[in-house]
Amino acid sequence: MKLIIRITLPLLLLSMMAVQASAAGLSERVIEHTLKNGMKILMVERHTSPTVSAWIRFKVGSVDERSDERGVAHLLEHMLFKGTKTLGTKDYASEKPLLDKIEEVAQNLVQEKAKQERGDKEKIKSLQSELSRLESEAGKFVIKEEFADLYSRNGGYNYNAFTSKDGTTYLIGLPSNKLELWAAIESDRMQNAVLREFYTERDVVMEERRRSYDAEPAGRLWETFLATAFMAHPVGQPIIGWMSDLENLTRTKAEHFLKSYYAPNNAIIAIVGDINPQKTVAMVERYFGNIPPGKSVPPVAVREPQQHGEKRVEIIGDAEPELMIGFHKPTLPDPDDYVFDVIDMLLADGRTSRLYKKLVIEKQIATEVGSFSAPGSRYPNLFVISATPRAPHSVKEVEDAIYAELERFKSEPVQEKDLQKILNRLEYEEFRQMGSNGGLARNLTEYEAVTGNWRYLIEHRQKVAAVTPMDVVNVARKYFTRENRTVGFITKKLKEESK
């Protein structure tokens, strides 16, 4: 939460009163319903405008992938825009045999390439040519972007999706009288998704990987930093997958992952806006109720071993210096996680935060500072501090200055007035987030999926309010240690090194 607030006291008090009333009312206004197949619906009735936001959150993300299917959750996010047996195709009966033949050729190609130096180069060339020919032939049946066109023609907006370590979400805003269209499209997608143009889209994702990670020092730093911090737990692996992971992904693997987990029992739907809850439940039951459940997503059993020494990662590239420092920490519902929320806001939340005042304003050794918890929330993660040194100051200068501020937490208890300011900012942020249908739908699905109870929205501020100055001291002493940290930084490539 990086929010700079400049409002007058009367307005702040009015805002606080509004958010308190809103939060209190939310517990009564959220209507829950669970279908027999396990799908959970969270509804909030709002008649401020004739619109509705509908979010579907699948409780499966990149952390749930096996080592031989890394990148599949993100690739499926792309693929589920491609259509179904009735949408996105001119003639599925004629298209399907071609899709089957494409997969047969692609499987042979992947297997031959996996032999690496022992692979038959002529066979690989022949299979690539055949795959290209078949994809071109199958492409004649494809209707591009039919989902998006249908929604757009019916007033849809903010049609999107995203994949994280923790889950995969599909979202849309619509006129409220078009909600049944959403139910028809999304239930069809849940039952009848066709992963057409799979290998073409895999190439698109591979290019995305080259552009955003392989060719970008900042991208390389982030994924190498995480992979270094986590030796064993899959939360440290990139959501997009490593290049060799993508090269070995097949439609068969993706379909298995899809059919196993993208099912009603792993789905949470939030519908917020101009609705009649009783009629909405009946509609969702009608469209989604007969879809069979899939497998429950198993918990990740592996635990990250305790770190016993500092890890350092250097990325040399044609970019300005950057610094990241990460400390292993627990996630909710551990009480220490709420203390880190307090530390985060004290340390780097806005222009009055400790790091901003010390590094950016006073010492002028950095241009930007930030802090956040990453890379996911379902499993223990990192508290990350990031900073951009201001030339000619070095990464080491900035790093040492950050450690000095962290040491203050260990010896100087936070003042009660500073804790109160944090609560005020939290209340304002809650008010802002709940102000839009989409914002509330996102929070409902996110917290229901991660914590198992959307009421975290209400309880979070109460938990933070219980944090004491000594809690901050104890957490700082426990986690802000040399042996618990991973440090990553970019070193700018010198001109003579690039020749």
Protein backbone atom coordinates (compact mmCIF):
# COMPACT_ATOMS: atom_id res chain seq x y z
CA MET A 1 0.00 0.00 0.00
CA LYS A 2 1.92 2.99 -1.28
CA LEU A 3 -0.53 5.82 -0.71
CA ILE A 4 0.29 9.47 -0.06
CA ILE A 5 -2.59 11.18 1.69
CA ARG A 6 -3.02 14.92 1.92
CA ILE A 7 -6.51 15.72 3.19
CA THR A 8 -7.85 18.06 5.83
CA LEU A 9 -8.77 16.82 9.29
CA PRO A 10 -12.54 17.28 8.86
CA LEU A 11 -12.46 15.34 5.60
CA LEU A 12 -10.31 12.65 7.20
CA LEU A 13 -12.76 12.28 10.07
CA LEU A 14 -15.67 12.03 7.65
CA SER A 15 -13.78 9.43 5.65
CA MET A 16 -12.99 7.42 8.77
CA MET A 17 -16.62 7.46 9.83
CA ALA A 18 -17.65 6.35 6.35
CA VAL A 19 -15.19 3.48 6.17
CA GLN A 20 -16.06 2.28 9.67
CA ALA A 21 -19.73 2.21 8.71
CA SER A 22 -18.89 0.56 5.39
CA ALA A 23 -16.69 -2.12 6.96
CA ALA A 24 -19.24 -2.81 9.65
CA GLY A 25 -21.99 -3.06 7.04
CA LEU A 26 -19.95 -5.29 4.77
CA SER A 27 -20.20 -8.22 7.16
CA GLU A 28 -23.98 -8.05 6.79
CA ARG A 29 -24.09 -7.18 3.09
CA VAL A 30 -21.93 -9.98 1.70
CA ILE A 31 -24.21 -12.85 0.76
CA GLU A 32 -22.55 -16.25 0.49
CA HIS A 33 -23.78 -19.27 -1.40
CA THR A 34 -22.02 -22.56 -2.14
CA LEU A 35 -23.13 -24.84 -4.97
CA LYS A 36 -23.22 -28.61 -4.53
CA ASN A 37 -20.16 -28.90 -6.77
CA GLY A 38 -18.18 -26.73 -4.35
CA MET A 39 -18.23 -23.40 -6.19
CA LYS A 40 -18.53 -20.47 -3.80
CA ILE A 41 -20.35 -17.25 -4.67
CA LEU A 42 -19.89 -13.97 -2.80
CA MET A 43 -22.39 -11.24 -3.66
CA VAL A 44 -22.78 -7.61 -2.67
CA GLU A 45 -25.86 -5.72 -3.80
CA ARG A 46 -25.16 -2.12 -4.83
CA HIS A 47 -27.50 0.06 -6.87
CA THR A 48 -25.31 3.13 -7.31
CA SER A 49 -25.07 2.43 -11.07
CA PRO A 50 -26.66 -0.13 -13.44
CA THR A 51 -23.41 -2.11 -13.64
CA VAL A 52 -21.87 -5.22 -12.13
CA SER A 53 -18.34 -6.57 -11.69
CA ALA A 54 -17.89 -10.33 -11.90
CA TRP A 55 -14.61 -11.96 -10.87
CA ILE A 56 -13.74 -15.65 -10.97
CA ARG A 57 -10.74 -16.68 -8.88
CA PHE A 58 -9.32 -20.18 -9.31
CA LYS A 59 -7.34 -21.29 -6.27
CA VAL A 60 -4.47 -22.56 -8.37
CA GLY A 61 -1.36 -20.63 -9.36
CA SER A 62 2.22 -21.15 -10.37
CA VAL A 63 3.18 -22.39 -6.90
CA ASP A 64 1.01 -25.46 -7.55
CA GLU A 65 2.90 -26.59 -10.65
CA ARG A 66 5.15 -29.63 -10.69
CA SER A 67 8.73 -29.15 -11.84
CA ASP A 68 7.91 -30.54 -15.31
CA GLU A 69 5.01 -28.12 -15.86
CA ARG A 70 6.42 -24.77 -14.72
CA GLY A 71 4.82 -21.90 -16.60
CA VAL A 72 1.62 -23.82 -17.37
CA ALA A 73 -0.68 -21.70 -15.15
CA HIS A 74 0.44 -18.49 -16.86
CA LEU A 75 0.20 -20.06 -20.32
CA LEU A 76 -3.30 -21.31 -19.53
CA GLU A 77 -4.28 -17.76 -18.62
CA HIS A 78 -3.48 -16.88 -22.24
CA MET A 79 -5.08 -20.01 -23.67
CA LEU A 80 -8.45 -19.60 -21.98
CA PHE A 81 -9.10 -16.55 -24.15
CA LYS A 82 -8.95 -18.79 -27.23
CA GLY A 83 -12.51 -20.08 -27.06
CA THR A 84 -14.51 -23.24 -26.59
CA LYS A 85 -16.13 -25.90 -28.73
CA THR A 86 -18.69 -23.31 -29.86
CA LEU A 87 -16.89 -19.96 -29.45
CA GLY A 88 -13.74 -19.07 -31.34
CA THR A 89 -14.29 -21.64 -34.09
CA LYS A 90 -16.09 -21.77 -37.43
CA ASP A 91 -16.43 -25.56 -37.38
CA TYR A 92 -15.14 -27.48 -34.37
CA ALA A 93 -15.97 -30.89 -35.86
CA SER A 94 -13.55 -30.16 -38.71
CA GLU A 95 -11.04 -28.36 -36.51
CA LYS A 96 -10.63 -31.09 -33.88
CA PRO A 97 -8.89 -33.72 -36.05
CA LEU A 98 -6.34 -31.08 -37.01
CA LEU A 99 -5.78 -30.14 -33.37
CA ASP A 100 -5.20 -33.81 -32.54
CA LYS A 101 -2.71 -34.15 -35.39
CA ILE A 102 -0.93 -30.96 -34.27
CA GLU A 103 -0.51 -32.42 -30.80
CA GLU A 104 0.86 -35.69 -32.15
CA VAL A 105 3.49 -33.88 -34.20
CA ALA A 106 4.30 -31.46 -31.38
CA GLN A 107 4.80 -34.28 -28.88
CA ASN A 108 7.26 -35.96 -31.25
CA LEU A 109 9.06 -32.65 -31.77
CA VAL A 110 9.40 -31.99 -28.04
CA GLN A 111 10.72 -35.51 -27.45
CA GLU A 112 13.29 -35.20 -30.24
CA LYS A 113 14.46 -31.79 -29.04
CA ALA A 114 14.78 -33.15 -25.49
CA LYS A 115 17.60 -35.38 -26.74
CA GLN A 116 19.60 -32.17 -27.25
CA GLU A 117 22.91 -32.96 -29.02
CA ARG A 118 21.73 -36.52 -29.76
CA GLY A 119 18.57 -35.31 -31.47
CA ASP A 120 18.07 -35.93 -35.19
CA LYS A 121 18.37 -32.46 -36.74
CA GLU A 122 16.72 -33.48 -39.99
CA LYS A 123 13.81 -35.04 -38.13
CA ILE A 124 13.43 -31.89 -36.01
CA LYS A 125 13.40 -29.73 -39.12
CA SER A 126 10.80 -31.97 -40.77
CA LEU A 127 8.57 -31.99 -37.67
CA GLN A 128 8.80 -28.20 -37.33
CA SER A 129 7.76 -27.80 -40.94
CA GLU A 130 4.83 -30.18 -40.50
CA LEU A 131 3.74 -28.45 -37.30
CA SER A 132 3.77 -25.08 -39.03
CA ARG A 133 1.72 -26.45 -41.94
CA LEU A 134 -0.89 -27.99 -39.64
CA GLU A 135 -1.20 -24.87 -37.50
CA SER A 136 -1.76 -22.79 -40.62
CA GLU A 137 -4.47 -25.18 -41.80
CA ALA A 138 -6.16 -25.23 -38.38
CA GLY A 139 -5.99 -21.44 -38.27
CA LYS A 140 -8.58 -21.27 -41.04
CA PHE A 141 -11.22 -22.38 -38.54
CA VAL A 142 -10.31 -19.87 -35.83
CA ILE A 143 -12.42 -16.83 -35.00
CA LYS A 144 -10.05 -14.47 -33.22
CA GLU A 145 -11.03 -12.79 -29.94
CA GLU A 146 -14.66 -13.93 -30.00
CA PHE A 147 -14.95 -13.77 -26.20
CA ALA A 148 -13.72 -10.18 -26.17
CA ASP A 149 -15.93 -9.18 -29.10
CA LEU A 150 -19.04 -10.64 -27.47
CA TYR A 151 -18.38 -8.78 -24.25
CA SER A 152 -17.49 -5.55 -26.04
CA ARG A 153 -20.67 -5.59 -28.15
CA ASN A 154 -22.68 -5.93 -24.95
CA GLY A 155 -21.07 -3.10 -23.02
CA GLY A 156 -18.37 -5.09 -21.28
CA TYR A 157 -15.31 -3.32 -19.89
CA ASN A 158 -12.12 -4.18 -17.95
CA TYR A 159 -12.12 -7.65 -19.48
CA ASN A 160 -8.87 -9.18 -18.28
CA ALA A 161 -7.07 -11.97 -16.43
CA PHE A 162 -3.94 -12.38 -14.34
CA THR A 163 -1.90 -15.20 -12.86
CA SER A 164 0.01 -15.04 -9.59
CA LYS A 165 1.86 -17.50 -7.39
CA ASP A 166 -1.38 -18.04 -5.49
CA GLY A 167 -4.12 -18.14 -8.12
CA THR A 168 -5.59 -17.24 -11.49
CA THR A 169 -8.35 -14.66 -11.93
CA TYR A 170 -10.70 -13.71 -14.79
CA LEU A 171 -12.65 -10.46 -14.51
CA ILE A 172 -15.16 -8.33 -16.37
CA GLY A 173 -17.43 -5.35 -15.78
CA LEU A 174 -20.84 -5.33 -17.47
CA PRO A 175 -24.18 -3.59 -17.58
CA SER A 176 -26.23 -5.39 -14.96
CA ASN A 177 -28.78 -6.59 -17.54
CA LYS A 178 -25.99 -8.52 -19.30
CA LEU A 179 -24.95 -10.65 -16.32
CA GLU A 180 -26.58 -13.73 -17.81
CA LEU A 181 -24.33 -13.36 -20.86
CA TRP A 182 -21.35 -13.54 -18.49
CA ALA A 183 -22.75 -16.71 -16.88
CA ALA A 184 -23.27 -18.34 -20.28
CA ILE A 185 -19.77 -17.48 -21.53
CA GLU A 186 -17.87 -18.35 -18.36
CA SER A 187 -19.69 -21.62 -17.68
CA ASP A 188 -18.99 -22.63 -21.28
CA ARG A 189 -15.33 -21.73 -20.83
CA MET A 190 -15.14 -23.73 -17.59
CA GLN A 191 -16.57 -26.85 -19.24
CA ASN A 192 -15.54 -26.69 -22.88
CA ALA A 193 -12.32 -24.71 -23.23
CA VAL A 194 -10.34 -25.62 -26.34
CA LEU A 195 -6.62 -24.89 -26.27
CA ARG A 196 -6.41 -24.01 -29.94
CA GLU A 197 -3.32 -22.21 -31.29
CA PHE A 198 -1.44 -23.65 -28.31
CA TYR A 199 2.03 -23.74 -29.83
CA THR A 200 1.59 -20.36 -31.50
CA GLU A 201 0.66 -18.88 -28.14
CA ARG A 202 3.52 -20.71 -26.44
CA ASP A 203 5.85 -18.88 -28.85
CA VAL A 204 4.19 -15.60 -27.82
CA VAL A 205 4.88 -16.34 -24.14
CA MET A 206 8.48 -17.31 -24.94
CA GLU A 207 8.93 -13.96 -26.66
CA GLU A 208 7.37 -12.27 -23.62
CA ARG A 209 9.96 -14.04 -21.50
CA ARG A 210 12.83 -12.91 -23.74
CA ARG A 211 11.61 -9.32 -23.76
CA SER A 212 10.69 -8.90 -20.10
CA TYR A 213 13.29 -11.06 -18.38
CA ASP A 214 16.16 -12.32 -20.52
CA ALA A 215 16.74 -8.94 -22.18
CA GLU A 216 15.95 -6.79 -19.12
CA PRO A 217 18.45 -6.62 -16.24
CA ALA A 218 15.66 -5.65 -13.82
CA GLY A 219 13.65 -8.70 -14.84
CA ARG A 220 16.69 -10.96 -14.54
CA LEU A 221 17.45 -9.51 -11.11
CA TRP A 222 13.94 -10.16 -9.81
CA GLU A 223 13.64 -13.78 -10.88
CA THR A 224 17.25 -14.63 -9.93
CA PHE A 225 16.76 -12.91 -6.56
CA LEU A 226 13.68 -15.05 -5.82
CA ALA A 227 15.23 -18.28 -7.07
CA THR A 228 18.25 -17.63 -4.85
CA ALA A 229 16.18 -16.79 -1.78
CA PHE A 230 14.14 -20.02 -2.08
CA MET A 231 16.22 -23.16 -2.49
CA ALA A 232 13.42 -25.69 -2.16
CA HIS A 233 9.98 -24.09 -2.22
CA PRO A 234 8.38 -23.55 -5.66
CA VAL A 235 7.28 -20.04 -4.65
CA GLY A 236 10.75 -18.96 -5.76
CA GLN A 237 10.29 -20.13 -9.34
CA PRO A 238 9.16 -17.63 -12.03
CA ILE A 239 5.46 -17.49 -12.84
CA ILE A 240 6.24 -17.37 -16.54
CA GLY A 241 8.62 -20.35 -16.25
CA TRP A 242 12.21 -20.70 -17.38
CA MET A 243 12.78 -20.87 -21.13
CA SER A 244 13.50 -24.60 -21.08
CA ASP A 245 10.24 -25.13 -19.14
CA LEU A 246 8.27 -23.38 -21.88
CA GLU A 247 10.04 -25.32 -24.62
CA ASN A 248 8.84 -28.57 -23.04
CA LEU A 249 5.25 -27.58 -22.30
CA THR A 250 2.71 -29.43 -24.42
CA ARG A 251 -1.00 -29.04 -24.92
CA THR A 252 -1.48 -32.44 -23.28
CA LYS A 253 0.20 -31.23 -20.08
CA ALA A 254 -1.80 -28.02 -20.12
CA GLU A 255 -5.10 -29.85 -20.67
CA HIS A 256 -4.35 -32.18 -17.75
CA PHE A 257 -3.64 -29.22 -15.46
CA LEU A 258 -6.76 -27.42 -16.72
CA LYS A 259 -9.14 -30.35 -16.29
CA SER A 260 -7.73 -31.19 -12.87
CA TYR A 261 -7.95 -27.81 -11.18
CA TYR A 262 -9.92 -25.20 -13.16
CA ALA A 263 -13.17 -26.53 -11.81
CA PRO A 264 -16.05 -25.37 -9.57
CA ASN A 265 -14.64 -26.73 -6.30
CA ASN A 266 -11.51 -24.60 -6.79
CA ALA A 267 -13.41 -21.49 -7.91
CA ILE A 268 -14.62 -18.44 -6.02
CA ILE A 269 -16.96 -16.02 -7.76
CA ALA A 270 -17.58 -12.48 -6.56
CA ILE A 271 -20.46 -10.53 -8.11
CA VAL A 272 -20.75 -6.94 -6.93
CA GLY A 273 -23.15 -4.30 -8.18
CA ASP A 274 -26.71 -3.80 -9.38
CA ILE A 275 -28.02 -7.32 -8.71
CA ASN A 276 -30.84 -9.19 -7.05
CA PRO A 277 -28.96 -11.81 -4.97
CA GLN A 278 -31.75 -14.41 -5.06
CA LYS A 279 -32.10 -14.19 -8.83
CA THR A 280 -28.31 -14.17 -9.21
CA VAL A 281 -27.97 -17.39 -7.20
CA ALA A 282 -30.64 -19.05 -9.33
CA MET A 283 -28.86 -17.95 -12.51
CA VAL A 284 -25.44 -19.18 -11.34
CA GLU A 285 -26.98 -22.48 -10.26
CA ARG A 286 -28.57 -22.83 -13.70
CA TYR A 287 -25.34 -22.27 -15.63
CA PHE A 288 -22.65 -23.64 -13.29
CA GLY A 289 -24.51 -26.09 -11.03
CA ASN A 290 -24.13 -29.16 -13.23
CA ILE A 291 -20.42 -28.78 -13.90
CA PRO A 292 -18.62 -31.63 -12.12
CA PRO A 293 -15.94 -30.75 -9.56
CA GLY A 294 -12.28 -31.38 -10.27
CA LYS A 295 -9.45 -32.35 -7.97
CA SER A 296 -8.81 -30.26 -4.90
CA VAL A 297 -5.51 -28.43 -5.23
CA PRO A 298 -3.10 -30.23 -2.88
CA PRO A 299 -1.05 -28.09 -0.50
CA VAL A 300 2.64 -27.70 -1.25
CA ALA A 301 4.27 -30.03 1.26
CA VAL A 302 7.86 -28.86 0.90
CA ARG A 303 9.16 -26.37 3.45
CA GLU A 304 11.94 -23.92 2.73
CA PRO A 305 14.96 -24.80 4.90
CA GLN A 306 16.06 -22.15 7.33
CA GLN A 307 18.68 -19.86 5.84
CA HIS A 308 22.00 -19.80 7.70
CA GLY A 309 23.92 -17.08 5.94
CA GLU A 310 23.54 -14.07 3.70
CA LYS A 311 23.00 -14.74 -0.01
CA ARG A 312 24.10 -12.18 -2.59
CA VAL A 313 23.08 -11.95 -6.24
CA GLU A 314 24.75 -9.66 -8.78
CA ILE A 315 23.34 -9.01 -12.24
CA ILE A 316 25.63 -7.20 -14.67
CA GLY A 317 23.75 -5.40 -17.38
CA ASP A 318 23.19 -2.26 -19.37
CA ALA A 319 21.00 -0.63 -16.73
CA GLU A 320 21.28 1.74 -13.83
CA PRO A 321 22.09 0.19 -10.42
CA GLU A 322 19.20 -1.28 -8.47
CA LEU A 323 19.11 -2.88 -5.02
CA MET A 324 16.81 -5.45 -3.40
CA ILE A 325 17.05 -6.84 0.12
CA GLY A 326 14.74 -9.65 1.17
CA PHE A 327 14.16 -11.20 4.60
CA HIS A 328 12.31 -14.49 5.03
CA LYS A 329 9.09 -14.06 6.98
CA PRO A 330 5.85 -15.95 7.74
CA THR A 331 2.55 -15.22 6.06
CA LEU A 332 -0.91 -14.83 7.54
CA PRO A 333 -2.45 -15.91 9.85
CA ASP A 334 0.87 -15.72 11.73
CA PRO A 335 0.71 -12.67 14.07
CA ASP A 336 4.14 -11.52 12.87
CA ASP A 337 2.69 -10.91 9.40
CA TYR A 338 0.55 -8.07 10.78
CA VAL A 339 3.64 -6.56 12.40
CA PHE A 340 5.31 -6.52 9.01
CA ASP A 341 2.33 -4.54 7.69
CA VAL A 342 3.16 -1.91 10.29
CA ILE A 343 6.88 -1.97 9.47
CA ASP A 344 6.11 -1.68 5.76
CA MET A 345 4.09 1.50 6.23
CA LEU A 346 6.57 3.04 8.64
CA LEU A 347 9.51 2.22 6.42
CA ALA A 348 8.49 3.13 2.89
CA ASP A 349 4.86 4.23 2.62
CA GLY A 350 4.97 7.71 1.14
CA ARG A 351 7.12 10.81 1.45
CA THR A 352 6.96 10.89 5.25
CA SER A 353 8.23 7.31 5.64
CA ARG A 354 11.59 6.65 7.27
CA LEU A 355 13.47 5.44 4.22
CA TYR A 356 12.13 8.17 1.95
CA LYS A 357 13.02 10.92 4.38
CA LYS A 358 16.47 9.54 5.17
CA LEU A 359 17.66 8.23 1.76
CA VAL A 360 15.81 10.45 -0.72
CA ILE A 361 15.38 13.78 1.07
CA GLU A 362 18.12 14.05 3.70
CA LYS A 363 21.06 12.07 2.34
CA GLN A 364 19.95 12.25 -1.31
CA ILE A 365 21.62 8.94 -2.07
CA ALA A 366 18.55 7.31 -3.65
CA THR A 367 15.86 8.39 -6.10
CA GLU A 368 13.28 5.75 -5.13
CA VAL A 369 12.63 3.41 -2.20
CA GLY A 370 9.92 0.89 -1.56
CA SER A 371 8.98 -2.16 0.49
CA PHE A 372 6.51 -4.99 0.02
CA SER A 373 5.86 -8.65 0.78
CA ALA A 374 6.45 -11.09 -2.07
CA PRO A 375 6.22 -13.29 -4.03
CA GLY A 376 2.96 -14.82 -2.76
CA SER A 377 0.69 -14.97 0.30
CA ARG A 378 -0.32 -18.62 0.68
CA TYR A 379 3.13 -19.71 1.87
CA PRO A 380 5.96 -18.02 3.82
CA ASN A 381 7.44 -15.23 1.74
CA LEU A 382 9.90 -12.33 1.85
CA PHE A 383 9.78 -8.81 3.16
CA VAL A 384 11.52 -6.95 0.33
CA ILE A 385 13.09 -3.51 0.39
CA SER A 386 13.98 -1.99 -2.98
CA ALA A 387 15.94 1.14 -3.80
CA THR A 388 17.45 2.99 -6.76
CA PRO A 389 20.78 4.69 -5.94
CA ARG A 390 21.20 8.28 -7.06
CA ALA A 391 24.40 8.79 -9.09
CA PRO A 392 27.20 8.97 -8.14
CA HIS A 393 26.23 7.13 -4.94
CA SER A 394 26.82 3.39 -4.83
CA VAL A 395 24.65 0.38 -4.04
CA LYS A 396 26.76 -0.15 -0.90
CA GLU A 397 26.00 3.34 0.41
CA VAL A 398 22.28 2.78 -0.02
CA GLU A 399 22.46 -0.74 1.42
CA ASP A 400 24.28 0.46 4.55
CA ALA A 401 21.78 3.28 5.03
CA ILE A 402 18.87 0.83 4.84
CA TYR A 403 20.47 -1.43 7.46
CA ALA A 404 20.90 1.58 9.74
CA GLU A 405 17.16 2.30 9.54
CA LEU A 406 16.31 -1.35 10.20
CA GLU A 407 18.52 -1.30 13.30
CA ARG A 408 16.44 1.59 14.64
CA PHE A 409 13.43 -0.73 14.82
CA LYS A 410 15.41 -3.02 17.16
CA SER A 411 16.33 -0.33 19.67
CA GLU A 412 13.82 2.53 19.32
CA PRO A 413 10.19 1.52 20.01
CA VAL A 414 7.70 3.03 17.61
CA GLN A 415 5.66 5.87 19.08
CA GLU A 416 1.95 5.31 19.64
CA LYS A 417 1.09 8.34 17.50
CA ASP A 418 2.87 6.73 14.54
CA LEU A 419 0.84 3.55 15.01
CA GLN A 420 -2.33 5.66 15.01
CA LYS A 421 -1.31 7.31 11.74
CA ILE A 422 -0.95 3.84 10.23
CA LEU A 423 -4.46 2.90 11.31
CA ASN A 424 -5.80 6.09 9.77
CA ARG A 425 -4.11 5.30 6.47
CA LEU A 426 -5.41 1.73 6.56
CA GLU A 427 -8.95 2.94 7.10
CA TYR A 428 -8.68 5.38 4.23
CA GLU A 429 -7.23 2.70 1.97
CA GLU A 430 -10.05 0.31 2.86
CA PHE A 431 -12.55 3.02 2.01
CA ARG A 432 -10.85 3.61 -1.34
CA GLN A 433 -10.69 -0.08 -2.22
CA MET A 434 -14.32 -0.74 -1.35
CA GLY A 435 -15.44 2.27 -3.35
CA SER A 436 -15.56 0.46 -6.69
CA ASN A 437 -17.38 -2.74 -7.57
CA GLY A 438 -14.26 -4.19 -9.13
CA GLY A 439 -12.06 -3.30 -6.17
CA LEU A 440 -14.40 -4.99 -3.72
CA ALA A 441 -14.82 -8.05 -5.98
CA ARG A 442 -11.05 -8.38 -6.18
CA ASN A 443 -10.59 -8.20 -2.42
CA LEU A 444 -13.40 -10.66 -1.73
CA THR A 445 -11.99 -13.29 -4.09
CA GLU A 446 -8.38 -12.66 -3.06
CA TYR A 447 -8.88 -13.00 0.67
CA GLU A 448 -11.38 -15.83 0.43
CA ALA A 449 -8.86 -17.76 -1.67
CA VAL A 450 -5.73 -16.98 0.34
CA THR A 451 -7.05 -16.92 3.91
CA GLY A 452 -10.13 -19.10 3.51
CA ASN A 453 -12.38 -16.27 4.70
CA TRP A 454 -13.20 -12.98 2.99
CA ARG A 455 -13.77 -11.44 6.44
CA TYR A 456 -10.04 -10.80 6.57
CA LEU A 457 -11.10 -7.54 4.92
CA ILE A 458 -12.72 -6.53 8.17
CA GLU A 459 -10.36 -8.24 10.62
CA HIS A 460 -7.09 -6.99 9.14
CA ARG A 461 -7.27 -3.49 10.58
CA GLN A 462 -8.30 -4.91 13.98
CA LYS A 463 -5.24 -7.17 13.95
CA VAL A 464 -2.95 -4.28 13.00
CA ALA A 465 -4.51 -2.12 15.74
CA ALA A 466 -3.41 -4.74 18.28
CA VAL A 467 0.27 -4.41 17.28
CA THR A 468 2.35 -2.83 20.06
CA PRO A 469 5.68 -0.98 19.92
CA MET A 470 7.39 -3.99 21.51
CA ASP A 471 5.91 -6.29 18.84
CA VAL A 472 7.77 -4.22 16.25
CA VAL A 473 11.01 -4.41 18.25
CA ASN A 474 10.72 -8.18 18.67
CA VAL A 475 9.92 -8.86 15.02
CA ALA A 476 12.79 -6.64 13.84
CA ARG A 477 15.23 -8.46 16.11
CA LYS A 478 13.95 -11.85 15.01
CA TYR A 479 13.92 -11.38 11.22
CA PHE A 480 16.21 -8.47 10.27
CA THR A 481 19.40 -10.48 10.60
CA ARG A 482 22.33 -10.99 8.25
CA GLU A 483 21.84 -14.76 8.05
CA ASN A 484 18.17 -14.33 7.11
CA ARG A 485 18.64 -11.97 4.19
CA THR A 486 19.13 -12.21 0.44
CA VAL A 487 20.63 -9.21 -1.35
CA GLY A 488 20.35 -8.63 -5.09
CA PHE A 489 21.73 -5.76 -7.13
CA ILE A 490 22.43 -4.63 -10.67
CA THR A 491 25.91 -3.52 -11.61
CA LYS A 492 26.01 -1.34 -14.70
CA LYS A 493 28.12 -2.88 -17.45
CA LEU A 494 31.14 -0.74 -18.31
CA LYS A 495 31.64 0.23 -21.93
CA GLU A 496 34.82 -1.78 -22.30
CA GLU A 497 33.02 -4.86 -20.87
CA SER A 498 30.34 -4.66 -23.57
CA LYS A 499 32.81 -4.67 -26.48
